[in-house]
PDB file of N, CA and C in Angstrom:
ATOM      1  N   UNK A   1      18.160 -26.102  17.733  1.00  0.00           N
ATOM      2  CA  UNK A   1      17.453 -25.423  18.790  1.00  0.00           C
ATOM      3  C   UNK A   1      18.100 -25.370  20.084  1.00  0.00           C
ATOM      4  N   UNK A   2      19.189 -25.925  20.137  1.00  0.00           N
ATOM      5  CA  UNK A   2      19.984 -25.965  21.351  1.00  0.00           C
ATOM      6  C   UNK A   2      20.510 -24.537  21.729  1.00  0.00           C
ATOM      7  N   UNK A   3      20.948 -23.775  20.545  1.00  0.00           N
ATOM      8  CA  UNK A   3      21.488 -22.352  20.649  1.00  0.00           C
ATOM      9  C   UNK A   3      20.992 -21.665  19.396  1.00  0.00           C
ATOM     10  N   UNK A   4      19.834 -21.235  19.303  1.00  0.00           N
ATOM     11  CA  UNK A   4      19.515 -20.467  18.099  1.00  0.00           C
ATOM     12  C   UNK A   4      20.291 -19.280  17.727  1.00  0.00           C
ATOM     13  N   UNK A   5      20.736 -18.479  18.763  1.00  0.00           N
ATOM     14  CA  UNK A   5      21.629 -17.384  18.453  1.00  0.00           C
ATOM     15  C   UNK A   5      22.775 -17.713  17.745  1.00  0.00           C
ATOM     16  N   UNK A   6      23.460 -18.766  18.191  1.00  0.00           N
ATOM     17  CA  UNK A   6      24.715 -19.265  17.614  1.00  0.00           C
ATOM     18  C   UNK A   6      24.444 -19.802  16.298  1.00  0.00           C
ATOM     19  N   UNK A   7      23.453 -20.481  16.099  1.00  0.00           N
ATOM     20  CA  UNK A   7      23.097 -20.942  14.749  1.00  0.00           C
ATOM     21  C   UNK A   7      22.796 -19.879  13.702  1.00  0.00           C
ATOM     22  N   UNK A   8      22.065 -18.867  14.144  1.00  0.00           N
ATOM     23  CA  UNK A   8      21.792 -17.761  13.250  1.00  0.00           C
ATOM     24  C   UNK A   8      23.112 -16.883  13.055  1.00  0.00           C
ATOM     25  N   UNK A   9      23.887 -16.644  14.024  1.00  0.00           N
ATOM     26  CA  UNK A   9      25.101 -16.049  13.928  1.00  0.00           C
ATOM     27  C   UNK A   9      26.075 -16.790  12.933  1.00  0.00           C
ATOM     28  N   UNK A  10      26.203 -18.049  12.926  1.00  0.00           N
ATOM     29  CA  UNK A  10      26.950 -18.918  12.019  1.00  0.00           C
ATOM     30  C   UNK A  10      26.485 -18.672  10.599  1.00  0.00           C
ATOM     31  N   UNK A  11      25.104 -18.693  10.489  1.00  0.00           N
ATOM     32  CA  UNK A  11      24.542 -18.539   9.086  1.00  0.00           C
ATOM     33  C   UNK A  11      24.919 -17.171   8.592  1.00  0.00           C
ATOM     34  N   UNK A  12      24.754 -16.108   9.366  1.00  0.00           N
ATOM     35  CA  UNK A  12      25.089 -14.720   8.958  1.00  0.00           C
ATOM     36  C   UNK A  12      26.524 -14.662   8.585  1.00  0.00           C
ATOM     37  N   UNK A  13      27.382 -15.256   9.364  1.00  0.00           N
ATOM     38  CA  UNK A  13      28.838 -15.190   9.006  1.00  0.00           C
ATOM     39  C   UNK A  13      29.057 -16.021   7.722  1.00  0.00           C
ATOM     40  N   UNK A  14      28.472 -17.138   7.505  1.00  0.00           N
ATOM     41  CA  UNK A  14      28.702 -17.917   6.266  1.00  0.00           C
ATOM     42  C   UNK A  14      28.261 -17.131   5.005  1.00  0.00           C
ATOM     43  N   UNK A  15      27.061 -16.452   5.111  1.00  0.00           N
ATOM     44  CA  UNK A  15      26.596 -15.613   3.875  1.00  0.00           C
ATOM     45  C   UNK A  15      27.083 -14.220   3.866  1.00  0.00           C
ATOM     46  N   UNK A  16      27.891 -13.847   4.848  1.00  0.00           N
ATOM     47  CA  UNK A  16      28.413 -12.403   4.828  1.00  0.00           C
ATOM     48  C   UNK A  16      27.506 -11.263   5.151  1.00  0.00           C
ATOM     49  N   UNK A  17      26.620 -11.567   6.127  1.00  0.00           N
ATOM     50  CA  UNK A  17      25.589 -10.347   6.548  1.00  0.00           C
ATOM     51  C   UNK A  17      25.871 -10.326   8.032  1.00  0.00           C
ATOM     52  N   UNK A  18      25.531  -9.070   8.639  1.00  0.00           N
ATOM     53  CA  UNK A  18      25.766  -8.935   9.994  1.00  0.00           C
ATOM     54  C   UNK A  18      24.741  -9.674  10.859  1.00  0.00           C
ATOM     55  N   UNK A  19      25.050 -10.151  11.939  1.00  0.00           N
ATOM     56  CA  UNK A  19      24.153 -10.791  12.954  1.00  0.00           C
ATOM     57  C   UNK A  19      23.547  -9.815  13.667  1.00  0.00           C
ATOM     58  N   UNK A  20      22.318  -9.583  13.869  1.00  0.00           N
ATOM     59  CA  UNK A  20      21.521  -8.682  14.695  1.00  0.00           C
ATOM     60  C   UNK A  20      20.836  -9.460  15.673  1.00  0.00           C
ATOM     61  N   UNK A  21      21.272  -9.496  16.900  1.00  0.00           N
ATOM     62  CA  UNK A  21      20.795 -10.288  17.993  1.00  0.00           C
ATOM     63  C   UNK A  21      19.303  -9.868  18.445  1.00  0.00           C
ATOM     64  N   UNK A  22      18.931  -8.657  18.213  1.00  0.00           N
ATOM     65  CA  UNK A  22      17.549  -8.313  18.477  1.00  0.00           C
ATOM     66  C   UNK A  22      16.541  -8.915  17.464  1.00  0.00           C
ATOM     67  N   UNK A  23      17.022  -9.611  16.361  1.00  0.00           N
ATOM     68  CA  UNK A  23      16.149 -10.302  15.466  1.00  0.00           C
ATOM     69  C   UNK A  23      15.848 -11.692  16.113  1.00  0.00           C
ATOM     70  N   UNK A  24      16.296 -12.064  17.237  1.00  0.00           N
ATOM     71  CA  UNK A  24      15.953 -13.333  17.848  1.00  0.00           C
ATOM     72  C   UNK A  24      14.732 -13.434  18.583  1.00  0.00           C
ATOM     73  N   UNK A  25      14.101 -12.208  18.707  1.00  0.00           N
ATOM     74  CA  UNK A  25      12.738 -12.053  19.434  1.00  0.00           C
ATOM     75  C   UNK A  25      11.935 -11.155  18.561  1.00  0.00           C
ATOM     76  N   UNK A  26      10.645 -11.309  18.602  1.00  0.00           N
ATOM     77  CA  UNK A  26       9.715 -10.607  17.764  1.00  0.00           C
ATOM     78  C   UNK A  26       8.273 -10.522  18.402  1.00  0.00           C
ATOM     79  N   UNK A  27       7.522  -9.700  18.129  1.00  0.00           N
ATOM     80  CA  UNK A  27       6.138  -9.571  18.604  1.00  0.00           C
ATOM     81  C   UNK A  27       5.304 -10.634  17.804  1.00  0.00           C
ATOM     82  N   UNK A  28       4.427 -11.276  18.596  1.00  0.00           N
ATOM     83  CA  UNK A  28       3.483 -12.371  17.948  1.00  0.00           C
ATOM     84  C   UNK A  28       2.559 -11.613  17.053  1.00  0.00           C
ATOM     85  N   UNK A  29       2.067 -12.373  16.044  1.00  0.00           N
ATOM     86  CA  UNK A  29       1.112 -11.804  15.183  1.00  0.00           C
ATOM     87  C   UNK A  29       1.160 -12.376  13.721  1.00  0.00           C
ATOM     88  N   UNK A  30       0.134 -12.180  12.874  1.00  0.00           N
ATOM     89  CA  UNK A  30       0.240 -12.668  11.558  1.00  0.00           C
ATOM     90  C   UNK A  30       0.975 -11.712  10.664  1.00  0.00           C
ATOM     91  N   UNK A  31       1.386 -12.042   9.540  1.00  0.00           N
ATOM     92  CA  UNK A  31       2.022 -11.258   8.534  1.00  0.00           C
ATOM     93  C   UNK A  31       1.163 -11.367   7.262  1.00  0.00           C
ATOM     94  N   UNK A  32       1.069 -10.213   6.576  1.00  0.00           N
ATOM     95  CA  UNK A  32       0.233 -10.176   5.330  1.00  0.00           C
ATOM     96  C   UNK A  32       0.717 -11.262   4.288  1.00  0.00           C
ATOM     97  N   UNK A  33       2.090 -11.494   4.198  1.00  0.00           N
ATOM     98  CA  UNK A  33       2.545 -12.325   3.234  1.00  0.00           C
ATOM     99  C   UNK A  33       2.303 -13.882   3.535  1.00  0.00           C
ATOM    100  N   UNK A  34       1.792 -14.069   4.861  1.00  0.00           N
ATOM    101  CA  UNK A  34       1.397 -15.490   5.293  1.00  0.00           C
ATOM    102  C   UNK A  34      -0.110 -15.731   5.025  1.00  0.00           C
ATOM    103  N   UNK A  35      -0.843 -14.862   4.426  1.00  0.00           N
ATOM    104  CA  UNK A  35      -2.287 -14.925   4.381  1.00  0.00           C
ATOM    105  C   UNK A  35      -2.660 -16.079   3.693  1.00  0.00           C
ATOM    106  N   UNK A  36      -2.117 -16.440   2.486  1.00  0.00           N
ATOM    107  CA  UNK A  36      -2.608 -17.626   1.609  1.00  0.00           C
ATOM    108  C   UNK A  36      -2.133 -18.925   2.373  1.00  0.00           C
ATOM    109  N   UNK A  37      -1.214 -18.926   3.246  1.00  0.00           N
ATOM    110  CA  UNK A  37      -0.716 -20.109   3.897  1.00  0.00           C
ATOM    111  C   UNK A  37      -0.778 -20.081   5.344  1.00  0.00           C
ATOM    112  N   UNK A  38      -1.913 -19.324   5.899  1.00  0.00           N
ATOM    113  CA  UNK A  38      -2.003 -19.082   7.294  1.00  0.00           C
ATOM    114  C   UNK A  38      -1.994 -20.249   8.116  1.00  0.00           C
ATOM    115  N   UNK A  39      -2.491 -21.413   7.613  1.00  0.00           N
ATOM    116  CA  UNK A  39      -2.546 -22.659   8.464  1.00  0.00           C
ATOM    117  C   UNK A  39      -1.067 -23.066   8.819  1.00  0.00           C
ATOM    118  N   UNK A  40      -0.249 -22.843   7.956  1.00  0.00           N
ATOM    119  CA  UNK A  40       1.219 -23.371   8.063  1.00  0.00           C
ATOM    120  C   UNK A  40       1.891 -22.444   9.110  1.00  0.00           C
ATOM    121  N   UNK A  41       1.294 -21.190   9.476  1.00  0.00           N
ATOM    122  CA  UNK A  41       2.008 -20.324  10.310  1.00  0.00           C
ATOM    123  C   UNK A  41       1.373 -20.090  11.721  1.00  0.00           C
ATOM    124  N   UNK A  42       0.506 -20.960  11.979  1.00  0.00           N
ATOM    125  CA  UNK A  42      -0.287 -20.861  13.254  1.00  0.00           C
ATOM    126  C   UNK A  42       0.593 -20.735  14.448  1.00  0.00           C
ATOM    127  N   UNK A  43       1.562 -21.600  14.592  1.00  0.00           N
ATOM    128  CA  UNK A  43       2.460 -21.632  15.736  1.00  0.00           C
ATOM    129  C   UNK A  43       3.429 -20.420  15.769  1.00  0.00           C
ATOM    130  N   UNK A  44       4.107 -20.147  14.590  1.00  0.00           N
ATOM    131  CA  UNK A  44       4.949 -19.022  14.568  1.00  0.00           C
ATOM    132  C   UNK A  44       4.296 -17.703  14.822  1.00  0.00           C
ATOM    133  N   UNK A  45       3.012 -17.598  14.467  1.00  0.00           N
ATOM    134  CA  UNK A  45       2.172 -16.373  14.709  1.00  0.00           C
ATOM    135  C   UNK A  45       2.074 -16.131  16.143  1.00  0.00           C
ATOM    136  N   UNK A  46       2.045 -17.195  16.958  1.00  0.00           N
ATOM    137  CA  UNK A  46       1.899 -17.132  18.333  1.00  0.00           C
ATOM    138  C   UNK A  46       3.206 -16.872  19.111  1.00  0.00           C
ATOM    139  N   UNK A  47       4.250 -17.061  18.462  1.00  0.00           N
ATOM    140  CA  UNK A  47       5.536 -17.173  19.043  1.00  0.00           C
ATOM    141  C   UNK A  47       6.133 -15.744  19.245  1.00  0.00           C
ATOM    142  N   UNK A  48       7.149 -15.713  20.030  1.00  0.00           N
ATOM    143  CA  UNK A  48       7.916 -14.420  20.213  1.00  0.00           C
ATOM    144  C   UNK A  48       9.446 -14.663  20.132  1.00  0.00           C
ATOM    145  N   UNK A  49       9.820 -15.861  19.796  1.00  0.00           N
ATOM    146  CA  UNK A  49      11.227 -16.295  19.560  1.00  0.00           C
ATOM    147  C   UNK A  49      11.360 -17.690  19.253  1.00  0.00           C
ATOM    148  N   UNK A  50      12.493 -18.229  19.109  1.00  0.00           N
ATOM    149  CA  UNK A  50      12.829 -19.725  18.982  1.00  0.00           C
ATOM    150  C   UNK A  50      12.564 -20.482  19.984  1.00  0.00           C
ATOM    151  N   UNK A  51      11.755 -21.492  19.980  1.00  0.00           N
ATOM    152  CA  UNK A  51      11.538 -22.397  21.063  1.00  0.00           C
ATOM    153  C   UNK A  51      11.431 -23.808  20.480  1.00  0.00           C
ATOM    154  N   UNK A  52      11.768 -24.807  21.256  1.00  0.00           N
ATOM    155  CA  UNK A  52      11.739 -26.194  20.807  1.00  0.00           C
ATOM    156  C   UNK A  52      10.225 -26.583  21.139  1.00  0.00           C
ATOM    157  N   UNK A  53       9.577 -27.191  20.203  1.00  0.00           N
ATOM    158  CA  UNK A  53       8.261 -27.721  20.363  1.00  0.00           C
ATOM    159  C   UNK A  53       8.167 -29.216  20.188  1.00  0.00           C
ATOM    160  N   UNK A  54       7.409 -29.892  21.066  1.00  0.00           N
ATOM    161  CA  UNK A  54       7.214 -31.240  21.131  1.00  0.00           C
ATOM    162  C   UNK A  54       6.353 -31.617  19.908  1.00  0.00           C
ATOM    163  N   UNK A  55       6.670 -32.641  19.190  1.00  0.00           N
ATOM    164  CA  UNK A  55       5.860 -33.033  18.125  1.00  0.00           C
ATOM    165  C   UNK A  55       5.717 -34.584  18.161  1.00  0.00           C
ATOM    166  N   UNK A  56       4.553 -35.024  17.839  1.00  0.00           N
ATOM    167  CA  UNK A  56       4.313 -36.422  17.794  1.00  0.00           C
ATOM    168  C   UNK A  56       3.320 -36.628  16.626  1.00  0.00           C
ATOM    169  N   UNK A  57       3.333 -37.732  15.875  1.00  0.00           N
ATOM    170  CA  UNK A  57       2.558 -37.794  14.729  1.00  0.00           C
ATOM    171  C   UNK A  57       1.977 -39.270  14.766  1.00  0.00           C
ATOM    172  N   UNK A  58       0.657 -39.335  14.559  1.00  0.00           N
ATOM    173  CA  UNK A  58       0.048 -40.599  14.412  1.00  0.00           C
ATOM    174  C   UNK A  58       0.570 -41.506  13.186  1.00  0.00           C
ATOM    175  N   UNK A  59       0.761 -40.904  12.142  1.00  0.00           N
ATOM    176  CA  UNK A  59       1.322 -41.584  11.021  1.00  0.00           C
ATOM    177  C   UNK A  59       2.817 -41.388  10.869  1.00  0.00           C
ATOM    178  N   UNK A  60       3.688 -42.322  10.939  1.00  0.00           N
ATOM    179  CA  UNK A  60       5.051 -42.201  10.822  1.00  0.00           C
ATOM    180  C   UNK A  60       5.700 -43.241   9.861  1.00  0.00           C
ATOM    181  N   UNK A  61       6.913 -43.181   9.562  1.00  0.00           N
ATOM    182  CA  UNK A  61       7.648 -44.123   8.695  1.00  0.00           C
ATOM    183  C   UNK A  61       7.547 -45.488   9.278  1.00  0.00           C
ATOM    184  N   UNK A  62       7.283 -45.623  10.621  1.00  0.00           N
ATOM    185  CA  UNK A  62       7.235 -46.914  11.223  1.00  0.00           C
ATOM    186  C   UNK A  62       5.953 -47.634  10.857  1.00  0.00           C
ATOM    187  N   UNK A  63       4.886 -46.821  10.688  1.00  0.00           N
ATOM    188  CA  UNK A  63       3.555 -47.566  10.519  1.00  0.00           C
ATOM    189  C   UNK A  63       2.892 -47.070   9.164  1.00  0.00           C
ATOM    190  N   UNK A  64       3.610 -46.610   8.285  1.00  0.00           N
ATOM    191  CA  UNK A  64       3.057 -46.265   6.936  1.00  0.00           C
ATOM    192  C   UNK A  64       4.059 -46.440   5.903  1.00  0.00           C
ATOM    193  N   UNK A  65       3.777 -47.520   5.059  1.00  0.00           N
ATOM    194  CA  UNK A  65       4.750 -48.051   4.014  1.00  0.00           C
ATOM    195  C   UNK A  65       5.097 -46.816   2.965  1.00  0.00           C
ATOM    196  N   UNK A  66       4.050 -46.168   2.508  1.00  0.00           N
ATOM    197  CA  UNK A  66       4.300 -45.070   1.655  1.00  0.00           C
ATOM    198  C   UNK A  66       5.259 -44.101   2.073  1.00  0.00           C
ATOM    199  N   UNK A  67       5.051 -43.644   3.449  1.00  0.00           N
ATOM    200  CA  UNK A  67       5.888 -42.643   4.096  1.00  0.00           C
ATOM    201  C   UNK A  67       7.275 -43.264   4.212  1.00  0.00           C
ATOM    202  N   UNK A  68       7.433 -44.454   4.508  1.00  0.00           N
ATOM    203  CA  UNK A  68       8.762 -45.081   4.736  1.00  0.00           C
ATOM    204  C   UNK A  68       9.508 -45.153   3.333  1.00  0.00           C
ATOM    205  N   UNK A  69       8.697 -45.484   2.221  1.00  0.00           N
ATOM    206  CA  UNK A  69       9.377 -45.516   0.984  1.00  0.00           C
ATOM    207  C   UNK A  69       9.842 -43.995   0.563  1.00  0.00           C
ATOM    208  N   UNK A  70       9.082 -43.096   0.742  1.00  0.00           N
ATOM    209  CA  UNK A  70       9.330 -41.631   0.625  1.00  0.00           C
ATOM    210  C   UNK A  70      10.503 -41.210   1.381  1.00  0.00           C
ATOM    211  N   UNK A  71      10.631 -41.628   2.584  1.00  0.00           N
ATOM    212  CA  UNK A  71      11.649 -41.241   3.439  1.00  0.00           C
ATOM    213  C   UNK A  71      13.045 -41.921   2.993  1.00  0.00           C
ATOM    214  N   UNK A  72      12.885 -43.193   2.740  1.00  0.00           N
ATOM    215  CA  UNK A  72      14.083 -43.906   2.345  1.00  0.00           C
ATOM    216  C   UNK A  72      14.646 -43.325   0.948  1.00  0.00           C
ATOM    217  N   UNK A  73      13.718 -42.823  -0.028  1.00  0.00           N
ATOM    218  CA  UNK A  73      14.136 -42.380  -1.172  1.00  0.00           C
ATOM    219  C   UNK A  73      14.895 -40.989  -1.032  1.00  0.00           C
ATOM    220  N   UNK A  74      14.455 -40.059  -0.099  1.00  0.00           N
ATOM    221  CA  UNK A  74      15.081 -38.910   0.134  1.00  0.00           C
ATOM    222  C   UNK A  74      16.207 -38.724   1.059  1.00  0.00           C
ATOM    223  N   UNK A  75      16.357 -39.778   1.921  1.00  0.00           N
ATOM    224  CA  UNK A  75      17.464 -39.918   2.928  1.00  0.00           C
ATOM    225  C   UNK A  75      18.744 -39.506   2.261  1.00  0.00           C
ATOM    226  N   UNK A  76      19.087 -40.158   1.117  1.00  0.00           N
ATOM    227  CA  UNK A  76      20.524 -39.829   0.627  1.00  0.00           C
ATOM    228  C   UNK A  76      20.738 -38.372   0.252  1.00  0.00           C
ATOM    229  N   UNK A  77      19.703 -37.653  -0.080  1.00  0.00           N
ATOM    230  CA  UNK A  77      19.744 -36.254  -0.443  1.00  0.00           C
ATOM    231  C   UNK A  77      19.970 -35.502   0.905  1.00  0.00           C
ATOM    232  N   UNK A  78      19.231 -35.793   1.822  1.00  0.00           N
ATOM    233  CA  UNK A  78      19.522 -35.143   3.301  1.00  0.00           C
ATOM    234  C   UNK A  78      20.807 -35.439   3.709  1.00  0.00           C
ATOM    235  N   UNK A  79      21.386 -36.659   3.614  1.00  0.00           N
ATOM    236  CA  UNK A  79      22.741 -36.913   3.968  1.00  0.00           C
ATOM    237  C   UNK A  79      23.797 -36.031   3.222  1.00  0.00           C
ATOM    238  N   UNK A  80      23.552 -35.857   1.898  1.00  0.00           N
ATOM    239  CA  UNK A  80      24.427 -35.008   1.158  1.00  0.00           C
ATOM    240  C   UNK A  80      24.408 -33.588   1.624  1.00  0.00           C
ATOM    241  N   UNK A  81      23.272 -33.157   1.877  1.00  0.00           N
ATOM    242  CA  UNK A  81      23.079 -31.684   2.331  1.00  0.00           C
ATOM    243  C   UNK A  81      23.778 -31.586   3.792  1.00  0.00           C
ATOM    244  N   UNK A  82      23.650 -32.647   4.589  1.00  0.00           N
ATOM    245  CA  UNK A  82      24.238 -32.582   5.869  1.00  0.00           C
ATOM    246  C   UNK A  82      25.644 -32.487   5.852  1.00  0.00           C
ATOM    247  N   UNK A  83      26.303 -33.099   4.792  1.00  0.00           N
ATOM    248  CA  UNK A  83      27.799 -33.022   4.624  1.00  0.00           C
ATOM    249  C   UNK A  83      28.260 -31.579   4.426  1.00  0.00           C
ATOM    250  N   UNK A  84      27.320 -30.683   4.015  1.00  0.00           N
ATOM    251  CA  UNK A  84      27.846 -29.265   3.813  1.00  0.00           C
ATOM    252  C   UNK A  84      27.246 -28.347   4.736  1.00  0.00           C
ATOM    253  N   UNK A  85      26.770 -28.902   5.887  1.00  0.00           N
ATOM    254  CA  UNK A  85      26.136 -28.024   6.948  1.00  0.00           C
ATOM    255  C   UNK A  85      27.187 -27.085   7.500  1.00  0.00           C
ATOM    256  N   UNK A  86      26.635 -25.943   8.133  1.00  0.00           N
ATOM    257  CA  UNK A  86      27.457 -24.861   8.667  1.00  0.00           C
ATOM    258  C   UNK A  86      27.878 -25.493  10.052  1.00  0.00           C
ATOM    259  N   UNK A  87      29.026 -25.387  10.508  1.00  0.00           N
ATOM    260  CA  UNK A  87      29.570 -25.647  11.869  1.00  0.00           C
ATOM    261  C   UNK A  87      29.052 -24.620  12.771  1.00  0.00           C
ATOM    262  N   UNK A  88      28.426 -24.945  13.858  1.00  0.00           N
ATOM    263  CA  UNK A  88      28.015 -23.969  14.938  1.00  0.00           C
ATOM    264  C   UNK A  88      28.981 -24.243  16.100  1.00  0.00           C
ATOM    265  N   UNK A  89      29.611 -22.977  16.331  1.00  0.00           N
ATOM    266  CA  UNK A  89      30.704 -23.120  17.545  1.00  0.00           C
ATOM    267  C   UNK A  89      30.179 -22.354  18.674  1.00  0.00           C
TER     268      UNK A  89
END
């Protein structure tokens, strides 16, 4: 989120598609394809671009054993994916 345009530009370069800077902003609103999962798209439906949002959660890996086990199990997979991340310059 530090530089969304650079991130998207790096992704576009990595997959071989042109970067379109105008795609970094959009009009707020719902999309038909989101209808079945509208509750997952509430914030993006209100947005007009990429922004950092503050998040805090009552239940975390620090206070929930099941969530901590789930996180510990999946951490190696995230580390493996991170090793192949696109460099943002």
